[in-house]
C-alpha cells in the first residue's frame, strides 16, 4: 500500500481496501498474480492478438453496479465468440460460504399500462402498435391480461440496465415512433419567465466593478486536491473541502475552498501565454 500511495492516479482508490484485514488478489493456477483489484491490473494477463480464451472479472463496492458492468461486458464480448452469444458461467464463493452463478443473464418482466406509455408522449396508439415499436427497440413485448385497461408485458434484457420505469419504455416508444412525428401542442398553462431580483442586483454590481478597471475571472468550481491545499501551503484536516467520490480526472477532485488557487492558476496561464 505504501508503494501505491505515492502514485497520483492509484492513491485515490487505496481507501477501499487499505483498512481491510485481507486484500483481494486474483492469480492463476501457477500462483502468478494477475491483478490487485480494485487498485491495479497486471501485464501477465493482458489481451493480445493471439488471445483466444478471455476470463472477464468485475470487482466493485456495489454488487448491483458490478452485475450491470459484468452483464454488459459479457454480452458485448459474446458476439465475437466461436459460438456466438454463448458464455461459460462461473461459480463465485463468497466469504460467508454462500455461492452464486455469474453472469446472471436472465431477463426481467415489466407490466405497464398502455396509458403510462403513450400518455407522456402525447400520441394515440393501440396496444399492437406500441408492441411493434417496442420490438423495434429490441424489447420483447406482449399483451398481458388486465381487467381494467390494456396492459403490456415487456421483457427487459440484461444489456438494458437503463430501463427502470415506465417512462423509460415511453422514451423508447417515442424514439421508435419518431420525435418529429409527435404532434406539437401548446401547454395548458402559460407562464412568462423572469429574472430573480438577486440576479439583477448581481449583474449591476458586476458591471460597476468592471467599469472600475477590474477583470472578471470565470473558473471551475472543482479543482485538484494538490492545487487546493499543497500549492497554497495549507493542510487538509478532512473537513475543509468536499471530496468528489469518483472524479473524472485528477484536476477535478475536490470542491474549491478558496478562490486563490483558481486565480493563481489563471494568472500563471496568462503569463505563460502572453498576447
C-alpha atoms as a PDB file:
ATOM      1  CA  UNK A   1       0.000   0.000   0.000  1.00  0.00           C
ATOM      2  CA  UNK A   2       2.855   2.401   0.763  1.00  0.00           C
ATOM      3  CA  UNK A   3       4.213   1.843  -2.736  1.00  0.00           C
ATOM      4  CA  UNK A   4       0.928   2.848  -4.421  1.00  0.00           C
ATOM      5  CA  UNK A   5       0.268   5.733  -2.020  1.00  0.00           C
ATOM      6  CA  UNK A   6       2.774   7.868  -3.918  1.00  0.00           C
ATOM      7  CA  UNK A   7       1.032   7.297  -7.251  1.00  0.00           C
ATOM      8  CA  UNK A   8      -1.246  10.206  -8.223  1.00  0.00           C
ATOM      9  CA  UNK A   9      -3.764   8.035 -10.066  1.00  0.00           C
ATOM     10  CA  UNK A  10      -3.852   4.946  -7.848  1.00  0.00           C
ATOM     11  CA  UNK A  11      -3.764   6.528  -4.402  1.00  0.00           C
ATOM     12  CA  UNK A  12      -7.386   7.668  -4.683  1.00  0.00           C
ATOM     13  CA  UNK A  13      -8.528   4.010  -4.673  1.00  0.00           C
ATOM     14  CA  UNK A  14      -6.432   2.793  -1.738  1.00  0.00           C
ATOM     15  CA  UNK A  15      -9.026   3.738   0.870  1.00  0.00           C
ATOM     16  CA  UNK A  16     -11.280   0.969  -0.444  1.00  0.00           C
ATOM     17  CA  UNK A  17      -9.044  -1.842   0.866  1.00  0.00           C
ATOM     18  CA  UNK A  18      -6.198  -0.311   2.887  1.00  0.00           C
ATOM     19  CA  UNK A  19      -8.014  -0.848   6.228  1.00  0.00           C
ATOM     20  CA  UNK A  20      -9.124  -4.371   5.352  1.00  0.00           C
ATOM     21  CA  UNK A  21      -7.503  -7.279   7.232  1.00  0.00           C
ATOM     22  CA  UNK A  22      -7.051  -9.087   3.899  1.00  0.00           C
ATOM     23  CA  UNK A  23      -6.502  -7.860   0.344  1.00  0.00           C
ATOM     24  CA  UNK A  24      -8.235  -9.289  -2.768  1.00  0.00           C
ATOM     25  CA  UNK A  25      -5.750 -10.875  -5.152  1.00  0.00           C
ATOM     26  CA  UNK A  26      -6.516 -12.695  -8.408  1.00  0.00           C
ATOM     27  CA  UNK A  27      -3.956 -15.270  -9.533  1.00  0.00           C
ATOM     28  CA  UNK A  28      -3.880 -18.219 -11.919  1.00  0.00           C
ATOM     29  CA  UNK A  29      -3.234 -21.922 -11.315  1.00  0.00           C
ATOM     30  CA  UNK A  30       0.526 -21.244 -11.221  1.00  0.00           C
ATOM     31  CA  UNK A  31       0.053 -18.679  -8.447  1.00  0.00           C
ATOM     32  CA  UNK A  32       1.011 -15.871 -10.796  1.00  0.00           C
ATOM     33  CA  UNK A  33      -0.633 -12.652  -9.647  1.00  0.00           C
ATOM     34  CA  UNK A  34      -2.967 -11.259 -12.298  1.00  0.00           C
ATOM     35  CA  UNK A  35      -4.396  -8.224 -10.516  1.00  0.00           C
ATOM     36  CA  UNK A  36      -4.881  -6.498  -7.192  1.00  0.00           C
ATOM     37  CA  UNK A  37      -8.456  -5.242  -7.510  1.00  0.00           C
ATOM     38  CA  UNK A  38      -9.559  -2.529  -7.436  1.00  0.00           C
ATOM     39  CA  UNK A  39      -6.093  -0.949  -7.437  1.00  0.00           C
ATOM     40  CA  UNK A  40      -4.166  -2.247 -10.421  1.00  0.00           C
ATOM     41  CA  UNK A  41      -4.075  -4.954 -13.084  1.00  0.00           C
ATOM     42  CA  UNK A  42      -1.119  -6.998 -14.243  1.00  0.00           C
ATOM     43  CA  UNK A  43       0.538  -7.207 -17.643  1.00  0.00           C
ATOM     44  CA  UNK A  44       0.683 -11.007 -17.328  1.00  0.00           C
ATOM     45  CA  UNK A  45      -3.000 -11.313 -18.244  1.00  0.00           C
ATOM     46  CA  UNK A  46      -3.082  -8.573 -20.893  1.00  0.00           C
ATOM     47  CA  UNK A  47      -5.041  -9.409 -24.035  1.00  0.00           C
ATOM     48  CA  UNK A  48      -3.053  -9.794 -27.257  1.00  0.00           C
ATOM     49  CA  UNK A  49      -3.930 -10.627 -30.851  1.00  0.00           C
ATOM     50  CA  UNK A  50      -3.261 -14.299 -30.048  1.00  0.00           C
ATOM     51  CA  UNK A  51      -5.661 -14.452 -27.103  1.00  0.00           C
ATOM     52  CA  UNK A  52      -8.414 -16.997 -27.614  1.00  0.00           C
ATOM     53  CA  UNK A  53      -9.841 -17.547 -24.130  1.00  0.00           C
ATOM     54  CA  UNK A  54     -10.962 -14.499 -22.147  1.00  0.00           C
ATOM     55  CA  UNK A  55     -11.939 -14.580 -18.487  1.00  0.00           C
ATOM     56  CA  UNK A  56     -13.931 -11.475 -17.562  1.00  0.00           C
ATOM     57  CA  UNK A  57     -13.823 -10.457 -13.897  1.00  0.00           C
ATOM     58  CA  UNK A  58     -15.514  -7.443 -12.392  1.00  0.00           C
ATOM     59  CA  UNK A  59     -14.884  -6.048  -8.914  1.00  0.00           C
ATOM     60  CA  UNK A  60     -16.841  -3.251  -7.258  1.00  0.00           C
ATOM     61  CA  UNK A  61     -18.047  -1.998  -3.900  1.00  0.00           C
ATOM     62  CA  UNK A  62     -21.654  -2.217  -5.123  1.00  0.00           C
ATOM     63  CA  UNK A  63     -22.948  -5.631  -6.214  1.00  0.00           C
ATOM     64  CA  UNK A  64     -25.739  -4.184  -8.369  1.00  0.00           C
ATOM     65  CA  UNK A  65     -23.359  -1.978 -10.333  1.00  0.00           C
ATOM     66  CA  UNK A  66     -20.896  -4.846 -10.657  1.00  0.00           C
ATOM     67  CA  UNK A  67     -23.614  -7.059 -12.153  1.00  0.00           C
ATOM     68  CA  UNK A  68     -24.585  -4.344 -14.643  1.00  0.00           C
ATOM     69  CA  UNK A  69     -20.995  -3.900 -15.821  1.00  0.00           C
ATOM     70  CA  UNK A  70     -20.374  -7.648 -15.953  1.00  0.00           C
ATOM     71  CA  UNK A  71     -23.542  -8.384 -17.939  1.00  0.00           C
ATOM     72  CA  UNK A  72     -22.783  -5.613 -20.415  1.00  0.00           C
ATOM     73  CA  UNK A  73     -19.181  -6.716 -20.937  1.00  0.00           C
ATOM     74  CA  UNK A  74     -20.109 -10.375 -21.311  1.00  0.00           C
ATOM     75  CA  UNK A  75     -22.921  -9.617 -23.747  1.00  0.00           C
ATOM     76  CA  UNK A  76     -20.671  -7.452 -25.913  1.00  0.00           C
ATOM     77  CA  UNK A  77     -17.787  -9.953 -25.908  1.00  0.00           C
ATOM     78  CA  UNK A  78     -20.100 -12.889 -26.678  1.00  0.00           C
ATOM     79  CA  UNK A  79     -20.702 -11.539 -30.164  1.00  0.00           C
ATOM     80  CA  UNK A  80     -17.119 -12.444 -31.068  1.00  0.00           C
ATOM     81  CA  UNK A  81     -17.094 -15.933 -29.524  1.00  0.00           C
ATOM     82  CA  UNK A  82     -16.615 -19.026 -31.643  1.00  0.00           C
ATOM     83  CA  UNK A  83     -20.179 -19.984 -30.732  1.00  0.00           C
ATOM     84  CA  UNK A  84     -21.841 -16.602 -30.934  1.00  0.00           C
ATOM     85  CA  UNK A  85     -23.643 -15.343 -27.835  1.00  0.00           C
ATOM     86  CA  UNK A  86     -22.506 -18.282 -25.718  1.00  0.00           C
ATOM     87  CA  UNK A  87     -20.558 -17.734 -22.496  1.00  0.00           C
ATOM     88  CA  UNK A  88     -19.302 -20.054 -19.791  1.00  0.00           C
ATOM     89  CA  UNK A  89     -20.634 -19.151 -16.325  1.00  0.00           C
ATOM     90  CA  UNK A  90     -18.577 -19.494 -13.151  1.00  0.00           C
ATOM     91  CA  UNK A  91     -19.457 -20.224  -9.547  1.00  0.00           C
ATOM     92  CA  UNK A  92     -18.443 -17.487  -7.106  1.00  0.00           C
ATOM     93  CA  UNK A  93     -17.908 -18.466  -3.475  1.00  0.00           C
ATOM     94  CA  UNK A  94     -18.359 -15.579  -1.031  1.00  0.00           C
ATOM     95  CA  UNK A  95     -16.533 -15.101   2.262  1.00  0.00           C
ATOM     96  CA  UNK A  96     -19.529 -16.467   4.185  1.00  0.00           C
ATOM     97  CA  UNK A  97     -19.572 -19.687   2.166  1.00  0.00           C
ATOM     98  CA  UNK A  98     -22.569 -18.797   0.014  1.00  0.00           C
ATOM     99  CA  UNK A  99     -22.300 -19.432  -3.709  1.00  0.00           C
ATOM    100  CA  UNK A 100     -23.774 -17.786  -6.798  1.00  0.00           C
ATOM    101  CA  UNK A 101     -23.529 -18.333 -10.535  1.00  0.00           C
ATOM    102  CA  UNK A 102     -22.357 -15.395 -12.640  1.00  0.00           C
ATOM    103  CA  UNK A 103     -23.158 -13.855 -15.017  1.00  0.00           C
ATOM    104  CA  UNK A 104     -26.920 -13.784 -14.479  1.00  0.00           C
ATOM    105  CA  UNK A 105     -28.183 -13.018 -17.972  1.00  0.00           C
ATOM    106  CA  UNK A 106     -31.843 -13.600 -17.205  1.00  0.00           C
ATOM    107  CA  UNK A 107     -34.422 -11.041 -18.343  1.00  0.00           C
ATOM    108  CA  UNK A 108     -36.884  -9.416 -16.001  1.00  0.00           C
ATOM    109  CA  UNK A 109     -40.516  -8.618 -16.701  1.00  0.00           C
ATOM    110  CA  UNK A 110     -42.259  -5.274 -16.533  1.00  0.00           C
ATOM    111  CA  UNK A 111     -46.030  -4.880 -16.785  1.00  0.00           C
ATOM    112  CA  UNK A 112     -47.027  -1.365 -17.812  1.00  0.00           C
ATOM    113  CA  UNK A 113     -50.416   0.042 -18.719  1.00  0.00           C
ATOM    114  CA  UNK A 114     -50.878   1.473 -22.192  1.00  0.00           C
ATOM    115  CA  UNK A 115     -51.730   4.925 -20.838  1.00  0.00           C
ATOM    116  CA  UNK A 116     -48.444   5.113 -18.902  1.00  0.00           C
ATOM    117  CA  UNK A 117     -46.545   4.672 -22.176  1.00  0.00           C
ATOM    118  CA  UNK A 118     -48.455   6.791 -24.701  1.00  0.00           C
ATOM    119  CA  UNK A 119     -49.756   9.383 -22.216  1.00  0.00           C
ATOM    120  CA  UNK A 120     -46.456  11.198 -21.552  1.00  0.00           C
ATOM    121  CA  UNK A 121     -45.660  11.201 -25.295  1.00  0.00           C
ATOM    122  CA  UNK A 122     -48.969  12.783 -26.260  1.00  0.00           C
ATOM    123  CA  UNK A 123     -49.895  10.383 -29.056  1.00  0.00           C
ATOM    124  CA  UNK A 124     -52.719   7.927 -29.617  1.00  0.00           C
ATOM    125  CA  UNK A 125     -51.620   4.347 -30.278  1.00  0.00           C
ATOM    126  CA  UNK A 126     -53.229   0.991 -29.628  1.00  0.00           C
ATOM    127  CA  UNK A 127     -51.572  -1.989 -27.949  1.00  0.00           C
ATOM    128  CA  UNK A 128     -50.490  -3.626 -31.212  1.00  0.00           C
ATOM    129  CA  UNK A 129     -48.711  -0.505 -32.415  1.00  0.00           C
ATOM    130  CA  UNK A 130     -46.913   0.011 -29.093  1.00  0.00           C
ATOM    131  CA  UNK A 131     -45.787  -3.627 -29.028  1.00  0.00           C
ATOM    132  CA  UNK A 132     -44.438  -3.277 -32.563  1.00  0.00           C
ATOM    133  CA  UNK A 133     -42.471  -0.151 -31.619  1.00  0.00           C
ATOM    134  CA  UNK A 134     -41.039  -1.820 -28.501  1.00  0.00           C
ATOM    135  CA  UNK A 135     -39.963  -4.827 -30.549  1.00  0.00           C
ATOM    136  CA  UNK A 136     -38.326  -2.390 -32.947  1.00  0.00           C
ATOM    137  CA  UNK A 137     -36.224  -1.175 -29.993  1.00  0.00           C
ATOM    138  CA  UNK A 138     -35.225  -4.807 -29.222  1.00  0.00           C
ATOM    139  CA  UNK A 139     -37.579  -5.038 -26.259  1.00  0.00           C
ATOM    140  CA  UNK A 140     -39.705  -8.176 -26.403  1.00  0.00           C
ATOM    141  CA  UNK A 141     -43.276  -7.116 -25.616  1.00  0.00           C
ATOM    142  CA  UNK A 142     -46.595  -8.937 -25.450  1.00  0.00           C
ATOM    143  CA  UNK A 143     -50.134  -8.102 -24.481  1.00  0.00           C
ATOM    144  CA  UNK A 144     -50.968  -9.126 -20.926  1.00  0.00           C
ATOM    145  CA  UNK A 145     -54.417  -9.644 -19.439  1.00  0.00           C
ATOM    146  CA  UNK A 146     -55.902  -6.887 -17.302  1.00  0.00           C
ATOM    147  CA  UNK A 147     -59.409  -6.316 -16.070  1.00  0.00           C
ATOM    148  CA  UNK A 148     -59.195  -2.521 -16.148  1.00  0.00           C
ATOM    149  CA  UNK A 149     -57.159  -1.172 -19.080  1.00  0.00           C
ATOM    150  CA  UNK A 150     -54.825  -2.530 -21.751  1.00  0.00           C
ATOM    151  CA  UNK A 151     -51.545  -3.715 -20.270  1.00  0.00           C
ATOM    152  CA  UNK A 152     -48.259  -4.606 -21.956  1.00  0.00           C
ATOM    153  CA  UNK A 153     -45.689  -7.070 -20.616  1.00  0.00           C
ATOM    154  CA  UNK A 154     -42.113  -6.191 -21.550  1.00  0.00           C
ATOM    155  CA  UNK A 155     -39.110  -8.488 -21.219  1.00  0.00           C
ATOM    156  CA  UNK A 156     -36.063  -6.331 -20.453  1.00  0.00           C
ATOM    157  CA  UNK A 157     -32.718  -7.923 -21.446  1.00  0.00           C
ATOM    158  CA  UNK A 158     -29.638  -7.703 -19.194  1.00  0.00           C
ATOM    159  CA  UNK A 159     -27.997  -5.256 -21.602  1.00  0.00           C
ATOM    160  CA  UNK A 160     -30.699  -2.635 -20.961  1.00  0.00           C
ATOM    161  CA  UNK A 161     -29.891  -1.641 -17.398  1.00  0.00           C
ATOM    162  CA  UNK A 162     -31.241   1.840 -18.188  1.00  0.00           C
ATOM    163  CA  UNK A 163     -34.838   0.565 -18.313  1.00  0.00           C
ATOM    164  CA  UNK A 164     -36.095   1.044 -14.759  1.00  0.00           C
ATOM    165  CA  UNK A 165     -39.501   2.685 -15.088  1.00  0.00           C
ATOM    166  CA  UNK A 166     -42.483   3.052 -17.400  1.00  0.00           C
ATOM    167  CA  UNK A 167     -41.051   6.407 -18.514  1.00  0.00           C
ATOM    168  CA  UNK A 168     -38.033   4.575 -19.933  1.00  0.00           C
ATOM    169  CA  UNK A 169     -40.347   2.469 -22.073  1.00  0.00           C
ATOM    170  CA  UNK A 170     -42.219   5.595 -23.143  1.00  0.00           C
ATOM    171  CA  UNK A 171     -38.896   7.111 -24.246  1.00  0.00           C
ATOM    172  CA  UNK A 172     -38.092   4.068 -26.384  1.00  0.00           C
ATOM    173  CA  UNK A 173     -41.559   4.153 -27.940  1.00  0.00           C
ATOM    174  CA  UNK A 174     -41.114   7.858 -28.720  1.00  0.00           C
ATOM    175  CA  UNK A 175     -37.742   7.174 -30.356  1.00  0.00           C
ATOM    176  CA  UNK A 176     -39.152   4.357 -32.481  1.00  0.00           C
ATOM    177  CA  UNK A 177     -42.236   6.431 -33.350  1.00  0.00           C
ATOM    178  CA  UNK A 178     -40.067   9.408 -34.282  1.00  0.00           C
ATOM    179  CA  UNK A 179     -39.876  12.645 -32.331  1.00  0.00           C
ATOM    180  CA  UNK A 180     -40.653  14.619 -35.464  1.00  0.00           C
ATOM    181  CA  UNK A 181     -43.901  12.679 -35.848  1.00  0.00           C
ATOM    182  CA  UNK A 182     -45.192  13.672 -32.415  1.00  0.00           C
ATOM    183  CA  UNK A 183     -47.791  16.453 -32.929  1.00  0.00           C
ATOM    184  CA  UNK A 184     -46.913  19.822 -31.484  1.00  0.00           C
ATOM    185  CA  UNK A 185     -49.230  21.273 -28.873  1.00  0.00           C
ATOM    186  CA  UNK A 186     -49.291  24.298 -26.616  1.00  0.00           C
ATOM    187  CA  UNK A 187     -49.056  23.755 -22.864  1.00  0.00           C
ATOM    188  CA  UNK A 188     -52.299  24.132 -20.916  1.00  0.00           C
ATOM    189  CA  UNK A 189     -50.767  26.755 -18.655  1.00  0.00           C
ATOM    190  CA  UNK A 190     -48.744  29.673 -19.992  1.00  0.00           C
ATOM    191  CA  UNK A 191     -46.074  31.308 -17.843  1.00  0.00           C
ATOM    192  CA  UNK A 192     -43.532  34.011 -18.533  1.00  0.00           C
ATOM    193  CA  UNK A 193     -40.071  33.592 -17.084  1.00  0.00           C
ATOM    194  CA  UNK A 194     -38.316  36.449 -15.343  1.00  0.00           C
ATOM    195  CA  UNK A 195     -35.011  37.193 -13.700  1.00  0.00           C
ATOM    196  CA  UNK A 196     -34.664  36.952  -9.949  1.00  0.00           C
ATOM    197  CA  UNK A 197     -34.076  40.261  -8.132  1.00  0.00           C
ATOM    198  CA  UNK A 198     -30.807  38.924  -6.738  1.00  0.00           C
ATOM    199  CA  UNK A 199     -29.550  38.154 -10.245  1.00  0.00           C
ATOM    200  CA  UNK A 200     -30.404  41.645 -11.470  1.00  0.00           C
ATOM    201  CA  UNK A 201     -28.597  43.174  -8.480  1.00  0.00           C
ATOM    202  CA  UNK A 202     -25.552  40.905  -9.040  1.00  0.00           C
ATOM    203  CA  UNK A 203     -25.344  41.958 -12.694  1.00  0.00           C
ATOM    204  CA  UNK A 204     -25.349  45.622 -11.705  1.00  0.00           C
ATOM    205  CA  UNK A 205     -22.565  45.062  -9.171  1.00  0.00           C
ATOM    206  CA  UNK A 206     -20.581  43.093 -11.751  1.00  0.00           C
ATOM    207  CA  UNK A 207     -20.938  45.876 -14.310  1.00  0.00           C
ATOM    208  CA  UNK A 208     -19.836  48.592 -11.840  1.00  0.00           C
ATOM    209  CA  UNK A 209     -16.798  46.586 -10.733  1.00  0.00           C
ATOM    210  CA  UNK A 210     -15.800  46.030 -14.375  1.00  0.00           C
ATOM    211  CA  UNK A 211     -16.086  49.787 -15.065  1.00  0.00           C
ATOM    212  CA  UNK A 212     -13.730  50.388 -12.147  1.00  0.00           C
ATOM    213  CA  UNK A 213     -10.999  48.541 -14.041  1.00  0.00           C
ATOM    214  CA  UNK A 214     -11.258  45.058 -12.533  1.00  0.00           C
ATOM    215  CA  UNK A 215     -11.267  41.876 -14.592  1.00  0.00           C
ATOM    216  CA  UNK A 216     -13.746  39.061 -14.085  1.00  0.00           C
ATOM    217  CA  UNK A 217     -12.344  35.535 -13.955  1.00  0.00           C
ATOM    218  CA  UNK A 218     -14.606  32.563 -14.631  1.00  0.00           C
ATOM    219  CA  UNK A 219     -13.121  29.328 -13.261  1.00  0.00           C
ATOM    220  CA  UNK A 220     -14.319  25.831 -12.448  1.00  0.00           C
ATOM    221  CA  UNK A 221     -15.788  25.108  -9.028  1.00  0.00           C
ATOM    222  CA  UNK A 222     -13.850  21.836  -8.935  1.00  0.00           C
ATOM    223  CA  UNK A 223     -10.092  21.670  -8.611  1.00  0.00           C
ATOM    224  CA  UNK A 224      -7.375  19.177  -7.697  1.00  0.00           C
ATOM    225  CA  UNK A 225      -6.508  18.342  -4.105  1.00  0.00           C
ATOM    226  CA  UNK A 226      -2.914  19.440  -4.668  1.00  0.00           C
ATOM    227  CA  UNK A 227      -3.898  22.865  -6.026  1.00  0.00           C
ATOM    228  CA  UNK A 228      -6.425  23.443  -3.248  1.00  0.00           C
ATOM    229  CA  UNK A 229      -4.062  22.593  -0.377  1.00  0.00           C
ATOM    230  CA  UNK A 230      -0.431  21.714  -1.128  1.00  0.00           C
ATOM    231  CA  UNK A 231       0.270  24.511  -3.592  1.00  0.00           C
ATOM    232  CA  UNK A 232      -1.207  27.050  -1.170  1.00  0.00           C
ATOM    233  CA  UNK A 233       0.752  25.594   1.756  1.00  0.00           C
ATOM    234  CA  UNK A 234      -2.476  24.636   3.513  1.00  0.00           C
ATOM    235  CA  UNK A 235      -3.168  21.461   5.456  1.00  0.00           C
ATOM    236  CA  UNK A 236      -6.258  19.346   4.911  1.00  0.00           C
ATOM    237  CA  UNK A 237      -7.938  18.133   8.082  1.00  0.00           C
ATOM    238  CA  UNK A 238     -10.664  16.328   6.133  1.00  0.00           C
ATOM    239  CA  UNK A 239     -13.354  18.938   6.827  1.00  0.00           C
ATOM    240  CA  UNK A 240     -12.298  21.890   4.690  1.00  0.00           C
ATOM    241  CA  UNK A 241     -13.337  20.691   1.237  1.00  0.00           C
ATOM    242  CA  UNK A 242     -15.946  18.422  -0.315  1.00  0.00           C
ATOM    243  CA  UNK A 243     -14.217  15.456  -1.972  1.00  0.00           C
ATOM    244  CA  UNK A 244     -15.629  14.024  -5.200  1.00  0.00           C
ATOM    245  CA  UNK A 245     -16.122  10.266  -4.827  1.00  0.00           C
ATOM    246  CA  UNK A 246     -15.406   9.373  -8.472  1.00  0.00           C
ATOM    247  CA  UNK A 247     -13.661  12.285 -10.232  1.00  0.00           C
ATOM    248  CA  UNK A 248     -13.287  12.033 -13.988  1.00  0.00           C
ATOM    249  CA  UNK A 249      -9.755  13.471 -13.871  1.00  0.00           C
ATOM    250  CA  UNK A 250      -7.190  14.362 -11.211  1.00  0.00           C
ATOM    251  CA  UNK A 251      -7.874  18.054 -11.906  1.00  0.00           C
ATOM    252  CA  UNK A 252     -11.422  17.832 -10.510  1.00  0.00           C
ATOM    253  CA  UNK A 253     -11.005  16.022  -7.186  1.00  0.00           C
ATOM    254  CA  UNK A 254     -12.450  18.489  -4.661  1.00  0.00           C
ATOM    255  CA  UNK A 255     -14.743  21.495  -4.474  1.00  0.00           C
ATOM    256  CA  UNK A 256     -12.531  24.535  -4.093  1.00  0.00           C
ATOM    257  CA  UNK A 257     -12.472  26.016  -0.604  1.00  0.00           C
ATOM    258  CA  UNK A 258     -10.788  29.219  -1.763  1.00  0.00           C
ATOM    259  CA  UNK A 259     -10.671  31.357  -4.897  1.00  0.00           C
ATOM    260  CA  UNK A 260      -6.928  31.847  -4.535  1.00  0.00           C
ATOM    261  CA  UNK A 261      -5.858  28.614  -6.254  1.00  0.00           C
ATOM    262  CA  UNK A 262      -8.025  29.263  -9.322  1.00  0.00           C
ATOM    263  CA  UNK A 263      -6.900  32.889  -9.560  1.00  0.00           C
ATOM    264  CA  UNK A 264      -3.227  31.925  -9.363  1.00  0.00           C
ATOM    265  CA  UNK A 265      -3.761  29.215 -11.958  1.00  0.00           C
ATOM    266  CA  UNK A 266      -5.405  31.717 -14.310  1.00  0.00           C
ATOM    267  CA  UNK A 267      -2.586  34.212 -13.724  1.00  0.00           C
ATOM    268  CA  UNK A 268       0.028  31.560 -14.482  1.00  0.00           C
ATOM    269  CA  UNK A 269      -1.768  30.578 -17.675  1.00  0.00           C
ATOM    270  CA  UNK A 270      -1.891  34.201 -18.866  1.00  0.00           C
ATOM    271  CA  UNK A 271       1.791  34.718 -18.058  1.00  0.00           C
ATOM    272  CA  UNK A 272       2.800  31.570 -19.934  1.00  0.00           C
ATOM    273  CA  UNK A 273       0.666  32.539 -22.930  1.00  0.00           C
ATOM    274  CA  UNK A 274       1.077  36.299 -23.421  1.00  0.00           C
ATOM    275  CA  UNK A 275      -0.838  38.058 -26.154  1.00  0.00           C
END
